[in-house]
């Protein structure tokens, strides 16, 4: 029975540490922009101005 109390205490400590880590990451802005990274690969890269000039001269 005493092992059960030890395991409950350890599980509360682990849950508390995960909660503290989550709150710290929210406070530091880890979850501010969750839309842009998922669609960033869909955007075309801007062509460089030098590349356009060399293509029109040929």
N, C-alpha and C. Protein backbone atom coordinates (compact mmCIF):
# COMPACT_ATOMS: atom_id res chain seq x y z
N UNK A 1 0.82 -1.20 0.00
CA UNK A 1 0.00 0.00 0.00
C UNK A 1 0.87 1.26 0.00
N UNK A 2 2.00 1.20 0.67
CA UNK A 2 2.87 2.38 0.73
C UNK A 2 3.48 2.68 -0.64
N UNK A 3 3.66 1.63 -1.47
CA UNK A 3 4.19 1.84 -2.82
C UNK A 3 3.21 2.67 -3.65
N UNK A 4 1.92 2.46 -3.41
CA UNK A 4 0.89 3.22 -4.13
C UNK A 4 1.00 4.71 -3.82
N UNK A 5 1.25 5.05 -2.57
CA UNK A 5 1.41 6.46 -2.21
C UNK A 5 2.66 7.06 -2.83
N UNK A 6 3.72 6.27 -2.91
CA UNK A 6 4.96 6.75 -3.54
C UNK A 6 4.73 6.99 -5.03
N UNK A 7 4.05 6.06 -5.70
CA UNK A 7 3.78 6.22 -7.13
C UNK A 7 2.86 7.40 -7.41
N UNK A 8 1.88 7.63 -6.56
CA UNK A 8 0.99 8.79 -6.73
C UNK A 8 1.78 10.08 -6.55
N UNK A 9 2.67 10.12 -5.57
CA UNK A 9 3.51 11.31 -5.36
C UNK A 9 4.42 11.57 -6.54
N UNK A 10 5.04 10.52 -7.07
CA UNK A 10 5.92 10.68 -8.22
C UNK A 10 5.13 11.13 -9.44
N UNK A 11 3.93 10.58 -9.65
CA UNK A 11 3.13 10.98 -10.81
C UNK A 11 2.68 12.43 -10.70
N UNK A 12 2.41 12.90 -9.51
CA UNK A 12 2.05 14.31 -9.32
C UNK A 12 3.25 15.21 -9.62
N UNK A 13 4.44 14.78 -9.21
CA UNK A 13 5.65 15.55 -9.53
C UNK A 13 5.91 15.60 -11.03
N UNK A 14 5.75 14.49 -11.72
CA UNK A 14 5.96 14.45 -13.17
C UNK A 14 4.93 15.32 -13.88
N UNK A 15 3.66 15.22 -13.47
CA UNK A 15 2.61 16.03 -14.08
C UNK A 15 2.86 17.51 -13.83
N UNK A 16 3.30 17.85 -12.64
CA UNK A 16 3.61 19.25 -12.33
C UNK A 16 4.77 19.78 -13.14
N UNK A 17 5.78 18.93 -13.38
CA UNK A 17 6.90 19.40 -14.19
C UNK A 17 6.49 19.60 -15.65
N UNK A 18 5.64 18.72 -16.17
CA UNK A 18 5.15 18.92 -17.53
C UNK A 18 4.27 20.17 -17.63
N UNK A 19 3.48 20.43 -16.62
CA UNK A 19 2.66 21.65 -16.61
C UNK A 19 3.54 22.89 -16.55
N UNK A 20 4.59 22.85 -15.75
CA UNK A 20 5.50 23.99 -15.65
C UNK A 20 6.22 24.21 -16.98
N UNK A 21 6.65 23.13 -17.64
CA UNK A 21 7.32 23.26 -18.94
C UNK A 21 6.37 23.83 -19.98
N UNK A 22 5.11 23.40 -19.96
CA UNK A 22 4.12 23.92 -20.90
C UNK A 22 3.86 25.40 -20.67
N UNK A 23 3.67 25.78 -19.43
CA UNK A 23 3.42 27.19 -19.13
C UNK A 23 4.63 28.06 -19.49
N UNK A 24 5.84 27.55 -19.27
CA UNK A 24 7.05 28.28 -19.64
C UNK A 24 7.12 28.48 -21.15
N UNK A 25 6.77 27.44 -21.92
CA UNK A 25 6.85 27.57 -23.37
C UNK A 25 5.77 28.50 -23.91
N UNK A 26 4.61 28.52 -23.31
CA UNK A 26 3.56 29.46 -23.73
C UNK A 26 3.99 30.89 -23.41
N UNK A 27 4.59 31.08 -22.25
CA UNK A 27 5.06 32.41 -21.84
C UNK A 27 6.15 32.93 -22.77
N UNK A 28 7.00 32.05 -23.27
CA UNK A 28 8.10 32.46 -24.15
C UNK A 28 7.72 32.50 -25.62
N UNK A 29 6.46 32.26 -25.96
CA UNK A 29 6.00 32.44 -27.32
C UNK A 29 6.21 31.27 -28.25
N UNK A 30 6.32 30.06 -27.75
CA UNK A 30 6.53 28.91 -28.61
C UNK A 30 5.30 28.58 -29.44
N UNK A 31 4.12 28.98 -29.01
CA UNK A 31 2.89 28.62 -29.70
C UNK A 31 2.18 29.82 -30.31
N UNK A 32 2.93 30.88 -30.62
CA UNK A 32 2.31 32.09 -31.15
C UNK A 32 1.78 31.89 -32.57
N UNK A 33 2.58 31.36 -33.46
CA UNK A 33 2.16 31.24 -34.85
C UNK A 33 2.19 29.77 -35.25
N UNK A 34 1.04 29.15 -35.26
CA UNK A 34 1.00 27.74 -35.61
C UNK A 34 0.44 27.50 -37.01
N UNK A 35 0.11 28.56 -37.74
CA UNK A 35 -0.44 28.39 -39.09
C UNK A 35 0.63 28.51 -40.17
N UNK A 36 1.48 29.50 -40.07
CA UNK A 36 2.46 29.78 -41.12
C UNK A 36 3.43 28.63 -41.38
N UNK A 37 4.00 27.97 -40.38
CA UNK A 37 4.93 26.88 -40.69
C UNK A 37 4.29 25.74 -41.48
N UNK A 38 3.00 25.51 -41.31
CA UNK A 38 2.37 24.41 -42.02
C UNK A 38 2.13 24.72 -43.49
N UNK A 39 2.07 25.99 -43.86
CA UNK A 39 1.82 26.34 -45.27
C UNK A 39 3.03 27.01 -45.92
N UNK A 40 4.13 27.12 -45.20
CA UNK A 40 5.31 27.80 -45.74
C UNK A 40 5.83 27.09 -46.99
N UNK A 41 5.73 25.76 -47.02
CA UNK A 41 6.24 25.04 -48.18
C UNK A 41 5.38 25.25 -49.42
N UNK A 42 4.19 25.79 -49.27
CA UNK A 42 3.32 26.03 -50.42
C UNK A 42 3.61 27.36 -51.11
N UNK A 43 4.31 28.27 -50.42
CA UNK A 43 4.61 29.57 -51.00
C UNK A 43 5.78 29.47 -51.98
N UNK A 44 5.69 30.19 -53.08
CA UNK A 44 6.79 30.23 -54.03
C UNK A 44 7.87 31.16 -53.50
N UNK A 45 9.11 30.82 -53.81
CA UNK A 45 10.21 31.69 -53.44
C UNK A 45 10.23 32.90 -54.37
N UNK A 46 10.62 34.04 -53.83
CA UNK A 46 10.74 35.24 -54.63
C UNK A 46 11.97 35.12 -55.53
N UNK A 47 11.82 35.35 -56.83
CA UNK A 47 13.01 35.29 -57.70
C UNK A 47 13.92 36.48 -57.42
N UNK A 48 15.20 36.24 -57.52
CA UNK A 48 16.16 37.31 -57.29
C UNK A 48 16.19 38.25 -58.49
N UNK A 49 16.45 39.52 -58.26
CA UNK A 49 16.46 40.52 -59.33
C UNK A 49 17.59 40.25 -60.32
N UNK A 50 18.74 39.81 -59.84
CA UNK A 50 19.87 39.53 -60.73
C UNK A 50 19.56 38.38 -61.68
N UNK A 51 18.85 37.39 -61.22
CA UNK A 51 18.52 36.23 -62.06
C UNK A 51 17.57 36.66 -63.18
N UNK A 52 16.67 37.56 -62.92
CA UNK A 52 15.74 38.03 -63.94
C UNK A 52 16.47 38.86 -65.01
N UNK A 53 17.43 39.66 -64.61
CA UNK A 53 18.16 40.49 -65.55
C UNK A 53 19.02 39.65 -66.50
N UNK A 54 19.64 38.62 -65.99
CA UNK A 54 20.50 37.80 -66.83
C UNK A 54 19.66 36.94 -67.79
N UNK A 55 18.45 36.59 -67.42
CA UNK A 55 17.62 35.79 -68.29
C UNK A 55 17.06 36.64 -69.45
N UNK A 56 16.78 37.90 -69.23
CA UNK A 56 16.22 38.73 -70.29
C UNK A 56 17.29 39.16 -71.28
N UNK A 57 18.57 39.19 -70.90
CA UNK A 57 19.64 39.58 -71.81
C UNK A 57 19.94 38.50 -72.83
N UNK A 58 19.69 37.25 -72.49
CA UNK A 58 20.01 36.14 -73.41
C UNK A 58 18.99 36.09 -74.45
